[in-house]
Amino acid sequence: MKIKKDDNIIVIAGKDKGKKGKVIKAIPSEDKVIVEGVNIAKRHRKSNQRDKKGEIVEVAVPIHVSNVKLEKETKAKK
């Protein structure tokens, strides 16, 4: 897997096609990556204390590495 943590990527397939983001976490054993601001899902969190209420939280869900590509970076020539 060529994509690593902190790489800038572009989504090339799926509902978020065309979006750009930074890789937060790479999961090489599953060939998946978690990208900031891409593939967001809502999860319901149950209340676990007496005073704290349950809530709906937005979480970044892993996306398969075949659906993303590295964003080409322009480097200044000396």
PDB file of N, CA and C in Angstrom:
ATOM      1  N   MET A   1       0.849  -1.178   0.000  1.00  0.00           N
ATOM      2  CA  MET A   1       0.000   0.000   0.000  1.00  0.00           C
ATOM      3  C   MET A   1       0.893   1.239   0.000  1.00  0.00           C
ATOM      4  N   LYS A   2       0.685   2.109  -0.976  1.00  0.00           N
ATOM      5  CA  LYS A   2       1.559   3.266  -1.137  1.00  0.00           C
ATOM      6  C   LYS A   2       1.088   4.499  -0.363  1.00  0.00           C
ATOM      7  N   ILE A   3      -0.157   4.509   0.039  1.00  0.00           N
ATOM      8  CA  ILE A   3      -0.700   5.665   0.743  1.00  0.00           C
ATOM      9  C   ILE A   3      -0.442   5.519   2.238  1.00  0.00           C
ATOM     10  N   LYS A   4       0.102   6.574   2.826  1.00  0.00           N
ATOM     11  CA  LYS A   4       0.493   6.552   4.235  1.00  0.00           C
ATOM     12  C   LYS A   4      -0.215   7.682   4.990  1.00  0.00           C
ATOM     13  N   LYS A   5      -0.038   7.697   6.296  1.00  0.00           N
ATOM     14  CA  LYS A   5      -0.589   8.741   7.141  1.00  0.00           C
ATOM     15  C   LYS A   5      -0.017  10.099   6.727  1.00  0.00           C
ATOM     16  N   ASP A   6      -0.845  11.131   6.794  1.00  0.00           N
ATOM     17  CA  ASP A   6      -0.500  12.524   6.466  1.00  0.00           C
ATOM     18  C   ASP A   6      -0.335  12.791   4.970  1.00  0.00           C
ATOM     19  N   ASP A   7      -0.650  11.831   4.094  1.00  0.00           N
ATOM     20  CA  ASP A   7      -0.635  12.075   2.647  1.00  0.00           C
ATOM     21  C   ASP A   7      -1.899  12.831   2.252  1.00  0.00           C
ATOM     22  N   ASN A   8      -1.785  13.673   1.238  1.00  0.00           N
ATOM     23  CA  ASN A   8      -2.950  14.344   0.678  1.00  0.00           C
ATOM     24  C   ASN A   8      -3.474  13.508  -0.471  1.00  0.00           C
ATOM     25  N   ILE A   9      -4.788  13.252  -0.474  1.00  0.00           N
ATOM     26  CA  ILE A   9      -5.365  12.360  -1.477  1.00  0.00           C
ATOM     27  C   ILE A   9      -6.584  13.005  -2.131  1.00  0.00           C
ATOM     28  N   ILE A  10      -7.012  12.392  -3.253  1.00  0.00           N
ATOM     29  CA  ILE A  10      -8.241  12.757  -3.944  1.00  0.00           C
ATOM     30  C   ILE A  10      -9.077  11.489  -4.060  1.00  0.00           C
ATOM     31  N   VAL A  11     -10.369  11.585  -3.759  1.00  0.00           N
ATOM     32  CA  VAL A  11     -11.270  10.437  -3.891  1.00  0.00           C
ATOM     33  C   VAL A  11     -11.660  10.316  -5.354  1.00  0.00           C
ATOM     34  N   ILE A  12     -11.486   9.106  -5.936  1.00  0.00           N
ATOM     35  CA  ILE A  12     -11.766   8.908  -7.355  1.00  0.00           C
ATOM     36  C   ILE A  12     -13.015   8.080  -7.616  1.00  0.00           C
ATOM     37  N   ALA A  13     -13.639   7.530  -6.566  1.00  0.00           N
ATOM     38  CA  ALA A  13     -14.851   6.727  -6.744  1.00  0.00           C
ATOM     39  C   ALA A  13     -15.711   6.803  -5.493  1.00  0.00           C
ATOM     40  N   GLY A  14     -17.011   6.638  -5.667  1.00  0.00           N
ATOM     41  CA  GLY A  14     -17.927   6.618  -4.536  1.00  0.00           C
ATOM     42  C   GLY A  14     -18.688   7.916  -4.381  1.00  0.00           C
ATOM     43  N   LYS A  15     -19.421   8.028  -3.289  1.00  0.00           N
ATOM     44  CA  LYS A  15     -20.294   9.184  -3.079  1.00  0.00           C
ATOM     45  C   LYS A  15     -19.522  10.488  -2.854  1.00  0.00           C
ATOM     46  N   ASP A  16     -18.275  10.390  -2.437  1.00  0.00           N
ATOM     47  CA  ASP A  16     -17.450  11.576  -2.180  1.00  0.00           C
ATOM     48  C   ASP A  16     -16.449  11.834  -3.302  1.00  0.00           C
ATOM     49  N   LYS A  17     -16.744  11.370  -4.503  1.00  0.00           N
ATOM     50  CA  LYS A  17     -15.828  11.503  -5.642  1.00  0.00           C
ATOM     51  C   LYS A  17     -15.468  12.972  -5.876  1.00  0.00           C
ATOM     52  N   GLY A  18     -14.174  13.227  -6.033  1.00  0.00           N
ATOM     53  CA  GLY A  18     -13.683  14.575  -6.282  1.00  0.00           C
ATOM     54  C   GLY A  18     -13.238  15.322  -5.036  1.00  0.00           C
ATOM     55  N   LYS A  19     -13.570  14.835  -3.864  1.00  0.00           N
ATOM     56  CA  LYS A  19     -13.167  15.504  -2.632  1.00  0.00           C
ATOM     57  C   LYS A  19     -11.696  15.254  -2.347  1.00  0.00           C
ATOM     58  N   LYS A  20     -11.078  16.247  -1.705  1.00  0.00           N
ATOM     59  CA  LYS A  20      -9.677  16.130  -1.312  1.00  0.00           C
ATOM     60  C   LYS A  20      -9.599  16.110   0.193  1.00  0.00           C
ATOM     61  N   GLY A  21      -8.570  15.452   0.720  1.00  0.00           N
ATOM     62  CA  GLY A  21      -8.408  15.386   2.160  1.00  0.00           C
ATOM     63  C   GLY A  21      -7.062  14.832   2.556  1.00  0.00           C
ATOM     64  N   LYS A  22      -6.848  14.799   3.858  1.00  0.00           N
ATOM     65  CA  LYS A  22      -5.595  14.314   4.435  1.00  0.00           C
ATOM     66  C   LYS A  22      -5.865  12.993   5.135  1.00  0.00           C
ATOM     67  N   VAL A  23      -4.970  12.035   4.962  1.00  0.00           N
ATOM     68  CA  VAL A  23      -5.137  10.718   5.581  1.00  0.00           C
ATOM     69  C   VAL A  23      -4.857  10.838   7.078  1.00  0.00           C
ATOM     70  N   ILE A  24      -5.846  10.457   7.875  1.00  0.00           N
ATOM     71  CA  ILE A  24      -5.711  10.482   9.334  1.00  0.00           C
ATOM     72  C   ILE A  24      -5.074   9.189   9.822  1.00  0.00           C
ATOM     73  N   LYS A  25      -5.517   8.060   9.228  1.00  0.00           N
ATOM     74  CA  LYS A  25      -5.032   6.751   9.655  1.00  0.00           C
ATOM     75  C   LYS A  25      -5.035   5.807   8.462  1.00  0.00           C
ATOM     76  N   ALA A  26      -3.985   4.990   8.351  1.00  0.00           N
ATOM     77  CA  ALA A  26      -3.901   3.963   7.315  1.00  0.00           C
ATOM     78  C   ALA A  26      -4.037   2.600   7.973  1.00  0.00           C
ATOM     79  N   ILE A  27      -4.831   1.721   7.343  1.00  0.00           N
ATOM     80  CA  ILE A  27      -5.041   0.368   7.868  1.00  0.00           C
ATOM     81  C   ILE A  27      -4.591  -0.619   6.790  1.00  0.00           C
ATOM     82  N   PRO A  28      -3.279  -0.931   6.724  1.00  0.00           N
ATOM     83  CA  PRO A  28      -2.757  -1.775   5.644  1.00  0.00           C
ATOM     84  C   PRO A  28      -3.286  -3.205   5.645  1.00  0.00           C
ATOM     85  N   SER A  29      -3.641  -3.739   6.805  1.00  0.00           N
ATOM     86  CA  SER A  29      -4.135  -5.118   6.856  1.00  0.00           C
ATOM     87  C   SER A  29      -5.476  -5.267   6.141  1.00  0.00           C
ATOM     88  N   GLU A  30      -6.252  -4.191   6.078  1.00  0.00           N
ATOM     89  CA  GLU A  30      -7.557  -4.214   5.416  1.00  0.00           C
ATOM     90  C   GLU A  30      -7.551  -3.426   4.109  1.00  0.00           C
ATOM     91  N   ASP A  31      -6.416  -2.837   3.730  1.00  0.00           N
ATOM     92  CA  ASP A  31      -6.293  -1.969   2.550  1.00  0.00           C
ATOM     93  C   ASP A  31      -7.286  -0.812   2.598  1.00  0.00           C
ATOM     94  N   LYS A  32      -7.384  -0.163   3.750  1.00  0.00           N
ATOM     95  CA  LYS A  32      -8.305   0.966   3.914  1.00  0.00           C
ATOM     96  C   LYS A  32      -7.593   2.144   4.549  1.00  0.00           C
ATOM     97  N   VAL A  33      -8.145   3.340   4.326  1.00  0.00           N
ATOM     98  CA  VAL A  33      -7.626   4.553   4.936  1.00  0.00           C
ATOM     99  C   VAL A  33      -8.800   5.369   5.483  1.00  0.00           C
ATOM    100  N   ILE A  34      -8.518   6.155   6.514  1.00  0.00           N
ATOM    101  CA  ILE A  34      -9.502   7.088   7.056  1.00  0.00           C
ATOM    102  C   ILE A  34      -9.034   8.478   6.663  1.00  0.00           C
ATOM    103  N   VAL A  35      -9.919   9.209   5.964  1.00  0.00           N
ATOM    104  CA  VAL A  35      -9.571  10.522   5.426  1.00  0.00           C
ATOM    105  C   VAL A  35     -10.409  11.590   6.118  1.00  0.00           C
ATOM    106  N   GLU A  36      -9.755  12.693   6.447  1.00  0.00           N
ATOM    107  CA  GLU A  36     -10.407  13.801   7.127  1.00  0.00           C
ATOM    108  C   GLU A  36     -11.465  14.436   6.222  1.00  0.00           C
ATOM    109  N   GLY A  37     -12.714  14.472   6.680  1.00  0.00           N
ATOM    110  CA  GLY A  37     -13.788  15.127   5.948  1.00  0.00           C
ATOM    111  C   GLY A  37     -14.399  14.314   4.820  1.00  0.00           C
ATOM    112  N   VAL A  38     -14.014  13.051   4.683  1.00  0.00           N
ATOM    113  CA  VAL A  38     -14.524  12.197   3.610  1.00  0.00           C
ATOM    114  C   VAL A  38     -15.168  10.960   4.218  1.00  0.00           C
ATOM    115  N   ASN A  39     -16.270  10.504   3.624  1.00  0.00           N
ATOM    116  CA  ASN A  39     -16.982   9.304   4.052  1.00  0.00           C
ATOM    117  C   ASN A  39     -17.416   9.415   5.518  1.00  0.00           C
ATOM    118  N   ILE A  40     -18.164  10.481   5.817  1.00  0.00           N
ATOM    119  CA  ILE A  40     -18.636  10.751   7.172  1.00  0.00           C
ATOM    120  C   ILE A  40     -19.961  10.023   7.402  1.00  0.00           C
ATOM    121  N   ALA A  41     -20.096   9.360   8.554  1.00  0.00           N
ATOM    122  CA  ALA A  41     -21.323   8.667   8.923  1.00  0.00           C
ATOM    123  C   ALA A  41     -21.766   9.157  10.293  1.00  0.00           C
ATOM    124  N   LYS A  42     -23.070   9.088  10.529  1.00  0.00           N
ATOM    125  CA  LYS A  42     -23.600   9.490  11.832  1.00  0.00           C
ATOM    126  C   LYS A  42     -23.799   8.247  12.687  1.00  0.00           C
ATOM    127  N   ARG A  43     -23.305   8.303  13.907  1.00  0.00           N
ATOM    128  CA  ARG A  43     -23.430   7.207  14.850  1.00  0.00           C
ATOM    129  C   ARG A  43     -24.177   7.714  16.089  1.00  0.00           C
ATOM    130  N   HIS A  44     -25.070   6.900  16.608  1.00  0.00           N
ATOM    131  CA  HIS A  44     -25.819   7.248  17.807  1.00  0.00           C
ATOM    132  C   HIS A  44     -25.052   6.764  19.025  1.00  0.00           C
ATOM    133  N   ARG A  45     -24.746   7.680  19.922  1.00  0.00           N
ATOM    134  CA  ARG A  45     -24.012   7.339  21.130  1.00  0.00           C
ATOM    135  C   ARG A  45     -24.990   7.303  22.307  1.00  0.00           C
ATOM    136  N   LYS A  46     -24.989   6.199  23.000  1.00  0.00           N
ATOM    137  CA  LYS A  46     -25.895   5.997  24.129  1.00  0.00           C
ATOM    138  C   LYS A  46     -25.393   6.764  25.350  1.00  0.00           C
ATOM    139  N   SER A  47     -26.324   7.242  26.170  1.00  0.00           N
ATOM    140  CA  SER A  47     -25.913   7.929  27.393  1.00  0.00           C
ATOM    141  C   SER A  47     -25.349   6.898  28.363  1.00  0.00           C
ATOM    142  N   ASN A  48     -24.265   7.250  29.022  1.00  0.00           N
ATOM    143  CA  ASN A  48     -23.631   6.304  29.927  1.00  0.00           C
ATOM    144  C   ASN A  48     -23.583   6.807  31.366  1.00  0.00           C
ATOM    145  N   GLN A  49     -24.061   8.017  31.572  1.00  0.00           N
ATOM    146  CA  GLN A  49     -24.108   8.554  32.921  1.00  0.00           C
ATOM    147  C   GLN A  49     -25.515   9.084  33.186  1.00  0.00           C
ATOM    148  N   ARG A  50     -25.743   9.407  34.403  1.00  0.00           N
ATOM    149  CA  ARG A  50     -27.078   9.860  34.779  1.00  0.00           C
ATOM    150  C   ARG A  50     -27.445  11.207  34.152  1.00  0.00           C
ATOM    151  N   ASP A  51     -26.517  12.151  34.170  1.00  0.00           N
ATOM    152  CA  ASP A  51     -26.805  13.501  33.691  1.00  0.00           C
ATOM    153  C   ASP A  51     -26.484  13.698  32.207  1.00  0.00           C
ATOM    154  N   LYS A  52     -25.635  12.857  31.661  1.00  0.00           N
ATOM    155  CA  LYS A  52     -25.217  13.032  30.264  1.00  0.00           C
ATOM    156  C   LYS A  52     -26.235  12.383  29.332  1.00  0.00           C
ATOM    157  N   LYS A  53     -26.659  13.134  28.303  1.00  0.00           N
ATOM    158  CA  LYS A  53     -27.648  12.634  27.369  1.00  0.00           C
ATOM    159  C   LYS A  53     -26.961  11.920  26.211  1.00  0.00           C
ATOM    160  N   GLY A  54     -27.716  11.086  25.519  1.00  0.00           N
ATOM    161  CA  GLY A  54     -27.210  10.458  24.312  1.00  0.00           C
ATOM    162  C   GLY A  54     -27.097  11.502  23.218  1.00  0.00           C
ATOM    163  N   GLU A  55     -26.306  11.204  22.211  1.00  0.00           N
ATOM    164  CA  GLU A  55     -26.099  12.178  21.142  1.00  0.00           C
ATOM    165  C   GLU A  55     -25.807  11.480  19.820  1.00  0.00           C
ATOM    166  N   ILE A  56     -25.888  12.235  18.754  1.00  0.00           N
ATOM    167  CA  ILE A  56     -25.537  11.731  17.430  1.00  0.00           C
ATOM    168  C   ILE A  56     -24.197  12.345  17.058  1.00  0.00           C
ATOM    169  N   VAL A  57     -23.219  11.493  16.754  1.00  0.00           N
ATOM    170  CA  VAL A  57     -21.852  11.935  16.481  1.00  0.00           C
ATOM    171  C   VAL A  57     -21.491  11.602  15.038  1.00  0.00           C
ATOM    172  N   GLU A  58     -20.816  12.524  14.361  1.00  0.00           N
ATOM    173  CA  GLU A  58     -20.332  12.260  13.006  1.00  0.00           C
ATOM    174  C   GLU A  58     -18.930  11.677  13.087  1.00  0.00           C
ATOM    175  N   VAL A  59     -18.729  10.522  12.432  1.00  0.00           N
ATOM    176  CA  VAL A  59     -17.474   9.786  12.506  1.00  0.00           C
ATOM    177  C   VAL A  59     -16.970   9.522  11.089  1.00  0.00           C
ATOM    178  N   ALA A  60     -15.663   9.648  10.888  1.00  0.00           N
ATOM    179  CA  ALA A  60     -15.056   9.307   9.597  1.00  0.00           C
ATOM    180  C   ALA A  60     -14.919   7.792   9.510  1.00  0.00           C
ATOM    181  N   VAL A  61     -15.459   7.201   8.443  1.00  0.00           N
ATOM    182  CA  VAL A  61     -15.461   5.757   8.244  1.00  0.00           C
ATOM    183  C   VAL A  61     -14.374   5.413   7.226  1.00  0.00           C
ATOM    184  N   PRO A  62     -13.698   4.271   7.368  1.00  0.00           N
ATOM    185  CA  PRO A  62     -12.638   3.909   6.417  1.00  0.00           C
ATOM    186  C   PRO A  62     -13.153   3.765   4.986  1.00  0.00           C
ATOM    187  N   ILE A  63     -12.298   4.121   4.036  1.00  0.00           N
ATOM    188  CA  ILE A  63     -12.591   4.002   2.619  1.00  0.00           C
ATOM    189  C   ILE A  63     -11.494   3.141   1.998  1.00  0.00           C
ATOM    190  N   HIS A  64     -11.862   2.314   1.027  1.00  0.00           N
ATOM    191  CA  HIS A  64     -10.883   1.398   0.430  1.00  0.00           C
ATOM    192  C   HIS A  64      -9.835   2.190  -0.347  1.00  0.00           C
ATOM    193  N   VAL A  65      -8.606   1.728  -0.271  1.00  0.00           N
ATOM    194  CA  VAL A  65      -7.473   2.430  -0.874  1.00  0.00           C
ATOM    195  C   VAL A  65      -7.580   2.491  -2.407  1.00  0.00           C
ATOM    196  N   SER A  66      -8.333   1.587  -3.018  1.00  0.00           N
ATOM    197  CA  SER A  66      -8.496   1.618  -4.472  1.00  0.00           C
ATOM    198  C   SER A  66      -9.393   2.763  -4.924  1.00  0.00           C
ATOM    199  N   ASN A  67     -10.104   3.383  -4.002  1.00  0.00           N
ATOM    200  CA  ASN A  67     -10.993   4.489  -4.335  1.00  0.00           C
ATOM    201  C   ASN A  67     -10.352   5.857  -4.129  1.00  0.00           C
ATOM    202  N   VAL A  68      -9.061   5.878  -3.813  1.00  0.00           N
ATOM    203  CA  VAL A  68      -8.349   7.140  -3.620  1.00  0.00           C
ATOM    204  C   VAL A  68      -7.033   7.113  -4.393  1.00  0.00           C
ATOM    205  N   LYS A  69      -6.518   8.310  -4.673  1.00  0.00           N
ATOM    206  CA  LYS A  69      -5.196   8.402  -5.277  1.00  0.00           C
ATOM    207  C   LYS A  69      -4.449   9.570  -4.646  1.00  0.00           C
ATOM    208  N   LEU A  70      -3.131   9.485  -4.699  1.00  0.00           N
ATOM    209  CA  LEU A  70      -2.300  10.541  -4.142  1.00  0.00           C
ATOM    210  C   LEU A  70      -2.465  11.815  -4.952  1.00  0.00           C
ATOM    211  N   GLU A  71      -2.522  12.947  -4.238  1.00  0.00           N
ATOM    212  CA  GLU A  71      -2.584  14.228  -4.902  1.00  0.00           C
ATOM    213  C   GLU A  71      -1.154  14.640  -5.246  1.00  0.00           C
ATOM    214  N   LYS A  72      -0.946  14.999  -6.485  1.00  0.00           N
ATOM    215  CA  LYS A  72       0.404  15.363  -6.912  1.00  0.00           C
ATOM    216  C   LYS A  72       0.787  16.697  -6.282  1.00  0.00           C
ATOM    217  N   GLU A  73       1.962  16.699  -5.689  1.00  0.00           N
ATOM    218  CA  GLU A  73       2.463  17.908  -5.060  1.00  0.00           C
ATOM    219  C   GLU A  73       3.484  18.556  -5.979  1.00  0.00           C
ATOM    220  N   THR A  74       3.384  19.864  -6.131  1.00  0.00           N
ATOM    221  CA  THR A  74       4.361  20.560  -6.958  1.00  0.00           C
ATOM    222  C   THR A  74       5.507  21.007  -6.077  1.00  0.00           C
ATOM    223  N   LYS A  75       6.683  20.551  -6.419  1.00  0.00           N
ATOM    224  CA  LYS A  75       7.875  20.903  -5.655  1.00  0.00           C
ATOM    225  C   LYS A  75       8.655  21.952  -6.425  1.00  0.00           C
ATOM    226  N   ALA A  76       9.161  22.932  -5.714  1.00  0.00           N
ATOM    227  CA  ALA A  76       9.934  24.012  -6.337  1.00  0.00           C
ATOM    228  C   ALA A  76      11.302  23.488  -6.778  1.00  0.00           C
ATOM    229  N   LYS A  77      11.642  23.786  -7.999  1.00  0.00           N
ATOM    230  CA  LYS A  77      12.962  23.372  -8.514  1.00  0.00           C
ATOM    231  C   LYS A  77      13.987  24.428  -8.132  1.00  0.00           C
ATOM    232  N   LYS A  78      15.184  23.930  -7.810  1.00  0.00           N
ATOM    233  CA  LYS A  78      16.261  24.851  -7.412  1.00  0.00           C
ATOM    234  C   LYS A  78      17.061  25.289  -8.597  1.00  0.00           C
TER     235      LYS A  78
END
